[in-house]
PDB file of N, CA and C in Angstrom:
ATOM      1  N   UNK A   1      23.464   2.379  24.170  1.00  0.00           N
ATOM      2  CA  UNK A   1      23.061   3.670  24.685  1.00  0.00           C
ATOM      3  C   UNK A   1      21.864   4.215  23.898  1.00  0.00           C
ATOM      4  N   UNK A   2      21.915   4.115  22.584  1.00  0.00           N
ATOM      5  CA  UNK A   2      20.838   4.663  21.756  1.00  0.00           C
ATOM      6  C   UNK A   2      19.512   3.960  22.001  1.00  0.00           C
ATOM      7  N   UNK A   3      19.551   2.706  22.415  1.00  0.00           N
ATOM      8  CA  UNK A   3      18.313   1.947  22.593  1.00  0.00           C
ATOM      9  C   UNK A   3      17.699   2.112  23.984  1.00  0.00           C
ATOM     10  N   UNK A   4      18.332   2.893  24.848  1.00  0.00           N
ATOM     11  CA  UNK A   4      17.732   3.176  26.157  1.00  0.00           C
ATOM     12  C   UNK A   4      16.479   4.018  25.970  1.00  0.00           C
ATOM     13  N   UNK A   5      15.594   3.978  26.936  1.00  0.00           N
ATOM     14  CA  UNK A   5      14.431   4.867  26.918  1.00  0.00           C
ATOM     15  C   UNK A   5      14.933   6.311  26.969  1.00  0.00           C
ATOM     16  N   UNK A   6      14.139   7.249  26.453  1.00  0.00           N
ATOM     17  CA  UNK A   6      14.570   8.646  26.374  1.00  0.00           C
ATOM     18  C   UNK A   6      15.096   9.182  27.698  1.00  0.00           C
ATOM     19  N   UNK A   7      14.340   9.015  28.767  1.00  0.00           N
ATOM     20  CA  UNK A   7      14.745   9.536  30.072  1.00  0.00           C
ATOM     21  C   UNK A   7      16.026   8.901  30.587  1.00  0.00           C
ATOM     22  N   UNK A   8      16.159   7.603  30.390  1.00  0.00           N
ATOM     23  CA  UNK A   8      17.368   6.902  30.832  1.00  0.00           C
ATOM     24  C   UNK A   8      18.583   7.356  30.036  1.00  0.00           C
ATOM     25  N   UNK A   9      18.409   7.528  28.729  1.00  0.00           N
ATOM     26  CA  UNK A   9      19.503   7.948  27.868  1.00  0.00           C
ATOM     27  C   UNK A   9      19.992   9.348  28.243  1.00  0.00           C
ATOM     28  N   UNK A  10      19.068  10.275  28.450  1.00  0.00           N
ATOM     29  CA  UNK A  10      19.441  11.639  28.812  1.00  0.00           C
ATOM     30  C   UNK A  10      20.106  11.661  30.187  1.00  0.00           C
ATOM     31  N   UNK A  11      19.605  10.862  31.125  1.00  0.00           N
ATOM     32  CA  UNK A  11      20.227  10.790  32.455  1.00  0.00           C
ATOM     33  C   UNK A  11      21.646  10.232  32.358  1.00  0.00           C
ATOM     34  N   UNK A  12      21.849   9.206  31.539  1.00  0.00           N
ATOM     35  CA  UNK A  12      23.179   8.642  31.359  1.00  0.00           C
ATOM     36  C   UNK A  12      24.108   9.662  30.701  1.00  0.00           C
ATOM     37  N   UNK A  13      23.590  10.401  29.740  1.00  0.00           N
ATOM     38  CA  UNK A  13      24.379  11.431  29.066  1.00  0.00           C
ATOM     39  C   UNK A  13      24.824  12.490  30.081  1.00  0.00           C
ATOM     40  N   UNK A  14      23.883  12.952  30.897  1.00  0.00           N
ATOM     41  CA  UNK A  14      24.207  13.980  31.905  1.00  0.00           C
ATOM     42  C   UNK A  14      25.231  13.466  32.905  1.00  0.00           C
ATOM     43  N   UNK A  15      25.106  12.218  33.294  1.00  0.00           N
ATOM     44  CA  UNK A  15      26.073  11.619  34.203  1.00  0.00           C
ATOM     45  C   UNK A  15      27.465  11.607  33.568  1.00  0.00           C
ATOM     46  N   UNK A  16      27.526  11.216  32.301  1.00  0.00           N
ATOM     47  CA  UNK A  16      28.809  11.178  31.604  1.00  0.00           C
ATOM     48  C   UNK A  16      29.415  12.576  31.474  1.00  0.00           C
ATOM     49  N   UNK A  17      28.580  13.586  31.259  1.00  0.00           N
ATOM     50  CA  UNK A  17      29.061  14.964  31.169  1.00  0.00           C
ATOM     51  C   UNK A  17      29.637  15.409  32.510  1.00  0.00           C
ATOM     52  N   UNK A  18      29.007  14.997  33.597  1.00  0.00           N
ATOM     53  CA  UNK A  18      29.411  15.440  34.926  1.00  0.00           C
ATOM     54  C   UNK A  18      30.649  14.724  35.466  1.00  0.00           C
ATOM     55  N   UNK A  19      30.964  13.556  34.934  1.00  0.00           N
ATOM     56  CA  UNK A  19      32.071  12.766  35.489  1.00  0.00           C
ATOM     57  C   UNK A  19      33.248  12.687  34.520  1.00  0.00           C
ATOM     58  N   UNK A  20      34.401  13.067  35.012  1.00  0.00           N
ATOM     59  CA  UNK A  20      35.611  13.028  34.188  1.00  0.00           C
ATOM     60  C   UNK A  20      35.978  11.610  33.763  1.00  0.00           C
ATOM     61  N   UNK A  21      35.690  10.622  34.607  1.00  0.00           N
ATOM     62  CA  UNK A  21      36.065   9.240  34.274  1.00  0.00           C
ATOM     63  C   UNK A  21      35.199   8.648  33.166  1.00  0.00           C
ATOM     64  N   UNK A  22      34.156   9.352  32.751  1.00  0.00           N
ATOM     65  CA  UNK A  22      33.305   8.881  31.654  1.00  0.00           C
ATOM     66  C   UNK A  22      33.508   9.706  30.381  1.00  0.00           C
ATOM     67  N   UNK A  23      34.618  10.429  30.315  1.00  0.00           N
ATOM     68  CA  UNK A  23      34.898  11.269  29.145  1.00  0.00           C
ATOM     69  C   UNK A  23      35.063  10.443  27.867  1.00  0.00           C
ATOM     70  N   UNK A  24      35.698   9.281  27.976  1.00  0.00           N
ATOM     71  CA  UNK A  24      35.922   8.459  26.780  1.00  0.00           C
ATOM     72  C   UNK A  24      34.615   7.945  26.179  1.00  0.00           C
ATOM     73  N   UNK A  25      33.705   7.355  26.985  1.00  0.00           N
ATOM     74  CA  UNK A  25      32.432   6.938  26.377  1.00  0.00           C
ATOM     75  C   UNK A  25      31.633   8.125  25.839  1.00  0.00           C
ATOM     76  N   UNK A  26      31.646   9.230  26.557  1.00  0.00           N
ATOM     77  CA  UNK A  26      30.909  10.414  26.098  1.00  0.00           C
ATOM     78  C   UNK A  26      31.439  10.890  24.752  1.00  0.00           C
ATOM     79  N   UNK A  27      32.738  10.878  24.599  1.00  0.00           N
ATOM     80  CA  UNK A  27      33.342  11.300  23.335  1.00  0.00           C
ATOM     81  C   UNK A  27      32.929  10.373  22.194  1.00  0.00           C
ATOM     82  N   UNK A  28      32.929   9.071  22.444  1.00  0.00           N
ATOM     83  CA  UNK A  28      32.535   8.142  21.375  1.00  0.00           C
ATOM     84  C   UNK A  28      31.051   8.273  21.047  1.00  0.00           C
ATOM     85  N   UNK A  29      30.224   8.530  22.055  1.00  0.00           N
ATOM     86  CA  UNK A  29      28.796   8.749  21.791  1.00  0.00           C
ATOM     87  C   UNK A  29      28.614   9.999  20.950  1.00  0.00           C
ATOM     88  N   UNK A  30      29.325  11.065  21.309  1.00  0.00           N
ATOM     89  CA  UNK A  30      29.194  12.331  20.584  1.00  0.00           C
ATOM     90  C   UNK A  30      29.653  12.186  19.134  1.00  0.00           C
ATOM     91  N   UNK A  31      30.713  11.434  18.909  1.00  0.00           N
ATOM     92  CA  UNK A  31      31.252  11.262  17.562  1.00  0.00           C
ATOM     93  C   UNK A  31      30.439  10.297  16.707  1.00  0.00           C
ATOM     94  N   UNK A  32      29.550   9.532  17.328  1.00  0.00           N
ATOM     95  CA  UNK A  32      28.771   8.536  16.583  1.00  0.00           C
ATOM     96  C   UNK A  32      27.762   9.141  15.625  1.00  0.00           C
ATOM     97  N   UNK A  33      27.348  10.373  15.896  1.00  0.00           N
ATOM     98  CA  UNK A  33      26.322  10.995  15.067  1.00  0.00           C
ATOM     99  C   UNK A  33      24.915  10.569  15.438  1.00  0.00           C
ATOM    100  N   UNK A  34      24.780   9.794  16.516  1.00  0.00           N
ATOM    101  CA  UNK A  34      23.460   9.309  16.936  1.00  0.00           C
ATOM    102  C   UNK A  34      22.801  10.212  17.969  1.00  0.00           C
ATOM    103  N   UNK A  35      23.590  11.106  18.582  1.00  0.00           N
ATOM    104  CA  UNK A  35      23.091  11.889  19.712  1.00  0.00           C
ATOM    105  C   UNK A  35      23.280  13.381  19.503  1.00  0.00           C
ATOM    106  N   UNK A  36      22.300  14.146  19.986  1.00  0.00           N
ATOM    107  CA  UNK A  36      22.417  15.600  20.062  1.00  0.00           C
ATOM    108  C   UNK A  36      23.275  15.928  21.279  1.00  0.00           C
ATOM    109  N   UNK A  37      23.614  17.207  21.470  1.00  0.00           N
ATOM    110  CA  UNK A  37      24.482  17.607  22.585  1.00  0.00           C
ATOM    111  C   UNK A  37      23.843  17.409  23.950  1.00  0.00           C
ATOM    112  N   UNK A  38      22.536  17.177  23.992  1.00  0.00           N
ATOM    113  CA  UNK A  38      21.856  16.946  25.275  1.00  0.00           C
ATOM    114  C   UNK A  38      21.525  15.475  25.514  1.00  0.00           C
ATOM    115  N   UNK A  39      21.974  14.591  24.629  1.00  0.00           N
ATOM    116  CA  UNK A  39      21.728  13.162  24.799  1.00  0.00           C
ATOM    117  C   UNK A  39      20.490  12.643  24.103  1.00  0.00           C
ATOM    118  N   UNK A  40      19.709  13.516  23.495  1.00  0.00           N
ATOM    119  CA  UNK A  40      18.566  13.042  22.720  1.00  0.00           C
ATOM    120  C   UNK A  40      19.081  12.485  21.396  1.00  0.00           C
ATOM    121  N   UNK A  41      18.248  11.738  20.695  1.00  0.00           N
ATOM    122  CA  UNK A  41      18.662  11.116  19.439  1.00  0.00           C
ATOM    123  C   UNK A  41      18.579  12.092  18.272  1.00  0.00           C
ATOM    124  N   UNK A  42      19.541  11.992  17.388  1.00  0.00           N
ATOM    125  CA  UNK A  42      19.490  12.715  16.117  1.00  0.00           C
ATOM    126  C   UNK A  42      18.553  11.944  15.193  1.00  0.00           C
ATOM    127  N   UNK A  43      18.212  12.498  14.040  1.00  0.00           N
ATOM    128  CA  UNK A  43      17.408  11.720  13.085  1.00  0.00           C
ATOM    129  C   UNK A  43      18.069  10.378  12.745  1.00  0.00           C
ATOM    130  N   UNK A  44      19.384  10.375  12.593  1.00  0.00           N
ATOM    131  CA  UNK A  44      20.102   9.122  12.315  1.00  0.00           C
ATOM    132  C   UNK A  44      19.917   8.141  13.472  1.00  0.00           C
ATOM    133  N   UNK A  45      20.000   8.629  14.705  1.00  0.00           N
ATOM    134  CA  UNK A  45      19.815   7.775  15.874  1.00  0.00           C
ATOM    135  C   UNK A  45      18.401   7.222  15.956  1.00  0.00           C
ATOM    136  N   UNK A  46      17.413   8.072  15.667  1.00  0.00           N
ATOM    137  CA  UNK A  46      16.016   7.611  15.685  1.00  0.00           C
ATOM    138  C   UNK A  46      15.778   6.539  14.633  1.00  0.00           C
ATOM    139  N   UNK A  47      16.354   6.714  13.453  1.00  0.00           N
ATOM    140  CA  UNK A  47      16.207   5.717  12.392  1.00  0.00           C
ATOM    141  C   UNK A  47      16.782   4.384  12.835  1.00  0.00           C
ATOM    142  N   UNK A  48      17.950   4.423  13.445  1.00  0.00           N
ATOM    143  CA  UNK A  48      18.582   3.202  13.921  1.00  0.00           C
ATOM    144  C   UNK A  48      17.703   2.495  14.942  1.00  0.00           C
ATOM    145  N   UNK A  49      17.202   3.249  15.899  1.00  0.00           N
ATOM    146  CA  UNK A  49      16.434   2.660  16.988  1.00  0.00           C
ATOM    147  C   UNK A  49      15.043   2.231  16.543  1.00  0.00           C
ATOM    148  N   UNK A  50      14.382   3.041  15.748  1.00  0.00           N
ATOM    149  CA  UNK A  50      12.982   2.790  15.413  1.00  0.00           C
ATOM    150  C   UNK A  50      12.765   1.790  14.288  1.00  0.00           C
ATOM    151  N   UNK A  51      13.735   1.553  13.446  1.00  0.00           N
ATOM    152  CA  UNK A  51      13.450   0.642  12.346  1.00  0.00           C
ATOM    153  C   UNK A  51      14.662   0.093  11.661  1.00  0.00           C
ATOM    154  N   UNK A  52      15.651   0.902  11.478  1.00  0.00           N
ATOM    155  CA  UNK A  52      16.829   0.455  10.761  1.00  0.00           C
ATOM    156  C   UNK A  52      17.517  -0.705  11.436  1.00  0.00           C
ATOM    157  N   UNK A  53      17.588  -0.689  12.758  1.00  0.00           N
ATOM    158  CA  UNK A  53      18.273  -1.761  13.482  1.00  0.00           C
ATOM    159  C   UNK A  53      17.518  -3.073  13.348  1.00  0.00           C
ATOM    160  N   UNK A  54      16.193  -3.003  13.444  1.00  0.00           N
ATOM    161  CA  UNK A  54      15.403  -4.230  13.347  1.00  0.00           C
ATOM    162  C   UNK A  54      15.560  -4.863  11.966  1.00  0.00           C
ATOM    163  N   UNK A  55      15.547  -4.033  10.924  1.00  0.00           N
ATOM    164  CA  UNK A  55      15.712  -4.563   9.573  1.00  0.00           C
ATOM    165  C   UNK A  55      17.093  -5.176   9.395  1.00  0.00           C
ATOM    166  N   UNK A  56      18.111  -4.508   9.921  1.00  0.00           N
ATOM    167  CA  UNK A  56      19.472  -5.028   9.796  1.00  0.00           C
ATOM    168  C   UNK A  56      19.619  -6.341  10.545  1.00  0.00           C
ATOM    169  N   UNK A  57      19.038  -6.429  11.742  1.00  0.00           N
ATOM    170  CA  UNK A  57      19.123  -7.666  12.516  1.00  0.00           C
ATOM    171  C   UNK A  57      18.404  -8.791  11.802  1.00  0.00           C
ATOM    172  N   UNK A  58      17.217  -8.509  11.248  1.00  0.00           N
ATOM    173  CA  UNK A  58      16.467  -9.535  10.541  1.00  0.00           C
ATOM    174  C   UNK A  58      17.257 -10.073   9.364  1.00  0.00           C
ATOM    175  N   UNK A  59      17.873  -9.193   8.595  1.00  0.00           N
ATOM    176  CA  UNK A  59      18.592  -9.661   7.421  1.00  0.00           C
ATOM    177  C   UNK A  59      19.860 -10.400   7.810  1.00  0.00           C
ATOM    178  N   UNK A  60      20.514 -10.008   8.903  1.00  0.00           N
ATOM    179  CA  UNK A  60      21.727 -10.714   9.296  1.00  0.00           C
ATOM    180  C   UNK A  60      21.414 -12.111   9.808  1.00  0.00           C
ATOM    181  N   UNK A  61      20.241 -12.293  10.387  1.00  0.00           N
ATOM    182  CA  UNK A  61      19.851 -13.626  10.843  1.00  0.00           C
ATOM    183  C   UNK A  61      19.621 -14.539   9.653  1.00  0.00           C
ATOM    184  N   UNK A  62      19.099 -13.991   8.567  1.00  0.00           N
ATOM    185  CA  UNK A  62      18.800 -14.801   7.401  1.00  0.00           C
ATOM    186  C   UNK A  62      20.036 -15.132   6.583  1.00  0.00           C
ATOM    187  N   UNK A  63      21.049 -14.277   6.673  1.00  0.00           N
ATOM    188  CA  UNK A  63      22.271 -14.535   5.908  1.00  0.00           C
ATOM    189  C   UNK A  63      23.104 -15.598   6.590  1.00  0.00           C
ATOM    190  N   UNK A  64      23.627 -16.490   5.797  1.00  0.00           N
ATOM    191  CA  UNK A  64      24.523 -17.517   6.313  1.00  0.00           C
ATOM    192  C   UNK A  64      25.826 -17.425   5.548  1.00  0.00           C
ATOM    193  N   UNK A  65      26.923 -17.735   6.197  1.00  0.00           N
ATOM    194  CA  UNK A  65      28.185 -17.696   5.468  1.00  0.00           C
ATOM    195  C   UNK A  65      28.201 -18.724   4.351  1.00  0.00           C
ATOM    196  N   UNK A  66      28.839 -18.374   3.255  1.00  0.00           N
ATOM    197  CA  UNK A  66      28.962 -19.317   2.139  1.00  0.00           C
ATOM    198  C   UNK A  66      30.151 -20.213   2.395  1.00  0.00           C
ATOM    199  N   UNK A  67      29.884 -21.450   2.668  1.00  0.00           N
ATOM    200  CA  UNK A  67      30.939 -22.417   2.938  1.00  0.00           C
ATOM    201  C   UNK A  67      30.580 -23.725   2.252  1.00  0.00           C
ATOM    202  N   UNK A  68      31.566 -24.512   1.997  1.00  0.00           N
ATOM    203  CA  UNK A  68      31.325 -25.836   1.428  1.00  0.00           C
ATOM    204  C   UNK A  68      30.658 -26.717   2.477  1.00  0.00           C
ATOM    205  N   UNK A  69      29.870 -27.690   2.065  1.00  0.00           N
ATOM    206  CA  UNK A  69      29.268 -28.606   3.034  1.00  0.00           C
ATOM    207  C   UNK A  69      30.360 -29.267   3.872  1.00  0.00           C
ATOM    208  N   UNK A  70      30.114 -29.381   5.155  1.00  0.00           N
ATOM    209  CA  UNK A  70      31.068 -29.994   6.060  1.00  0.00           C
ATOM    210  C   UNK A  70      32.162 -29.065   6.528  1.00  0.00           C
ATOM    211  N   UNK A  71      32.125 -27.793   6.108  1.00  0.00           N
ATOM    212  CA  UNK A  71      33.165 -26.839   6.497  1.00  0.00           C
ATOM    213  C   UNK A  71      32.563 -25.695   7.283  1.00  0.00           C
ATOM    214  N   UNK A  72      31.773 -25.994   8.276  1.00  0.00           N
ATOM    215  CA  UNK A  72      31.150 -24.962   9.094  1.00  0.00           C
ATOM    216  C   UNK A  72      32.192 -24.297   9.976  1.00  0.00           C
ATOM    217  N   UNK A  73      32.001 -23.009  10.222  1.00  0.00           N
ATOM    218  CA  UNK A  73      32.977 -22.260  11.007  1.00  0.00           C
ATOM    219  C   UNK A  73      32.773 -22.441  12.514  1.00  0.00           C
ATOM    220  N   UNK A  74      31.586 -22.854  12.948  1.00  0.00           N
ATOM    221  CA  UNK A  74      31.340 -23.010  14.381  1.00  0.00           C
ATOM    222  C   UNK A  74      30.200 -24.012  14.590  1.00  0.00           C
ATOM    223  N   UNK A  75      29.889 -24.297  15.858  1.00  0.00           N
ATOM    224  CA  UNK A  75      28.835 -25.282  16.136  1.00  0.00           C
ATOM    225  C   UNK A  75      27.459 -24.813  15.679  1.00  0.00           C
ATOM    226  N   UNK A  76      27.211 -23.494  15.670  1.00  0.00           N
ATOM    227  CA  UNK A  76      25.910 -22.986  15.219  1.00  0.00           C
ATOM    228  C   UNK A  76      25.752 -23.221  13.723  1.00  0.00           C
ATOM    229  N   UNK A  77      26.781 -22.879  12.967  1.00  0.00           N
ATOM    230  CA  UNK A  77      26.721 -23.108  11.520  1.00  0.00           C
ATOM    231  C   UNK A  77      26.635 -24.594  11.204  1.00  0.00           C
ATOM    232  N   UNK A  78      27.339 -25.398  11.971  1.00  0.00           N
ATOM    233  CA  UNK A  78      27.293 -26.841  11.768  1.00  0.00           C
ATOM    234  C   UNK A  78      25.877 -27.347  12.003  1.00  0.00           C
ATOM    235  N   UNK A  79      25.231 -26.836  13.066  1.00  0.00           N
ATOM    236  CA  UNK A  79      23.844 -27.245  13.360  1.00  0.00           C
ATOM    237  C   UNK A  79      22.906 -26.815  12.249  1.00  0.00           C
ATOM    238  N   UNK A  80      23.090 -25.588  11.739  1.00  0.00           N
ATOM    239  CA  UNK A  80      22.241 -25.103  10.657  1.00  0.00           C
ATOM    240  C   UNK A  80      22.421 -25.940   9.395  1.00  0.00           C
ATOM    241  N   UNK A  81      23.637 -26.341   9.107  1.00  0.00           N
ATOM    242  CA  UNK A  81      23.919 -27.157   7.925  1.00  0.00           C
ATOM    243  C   UNK A  81      23.247 -28.520   8.029  1.00  0.00           C
ATOM    244  N   UNK A  82      23.211 -29.068   9.244  1.00  0.00           N
ATOM    245  CA  UNK A  82      22.588 -30.378   9.434  1.00  0.00           C
ATOM    246  C   UNK A  82      21.086 -30.325   9.222  1.00  0.00           C
ATOM    247  N   UNK A  83      20.464 -29.172   9.521  1.00  0.00           N
ATOM    248  CA  UNK A  83      19.023 -29.022   9.382  1.00  0.00           C
ATOM    249  C   UNK A  83      18.624 -28.937   7.918  1.00  0.00           C
ATOM    250  N   UNK A  84      19.464 -28.334   7.090  1.00  0.00           N
ATOM    251  CA  UNK A  84      19.128 -28.115   5.676  1.00  0.00           C
ATOM    252  C   UNK A  84      19.028 -29.368   4.891  1.00  0.00           C
TER     253      UNK A  84
END
């Protein structure tokens, strides 16, 4: 939700406000601290979208689980181990 374009995010927020069946997602969005009461981003939300998320994604891609050789947890880790 936070990564939607401004207009799309506000429209989705308004839709959720207007529909009772979307009360649960609206409540979780409101409690996240990422959104103002009108669906715009808070400073925390802007940080996440504009830079914090990209940095976190980059670092998570570089991190690999610490495992003994030959003990990969999945086919992706096994493939990465074979390349090293």
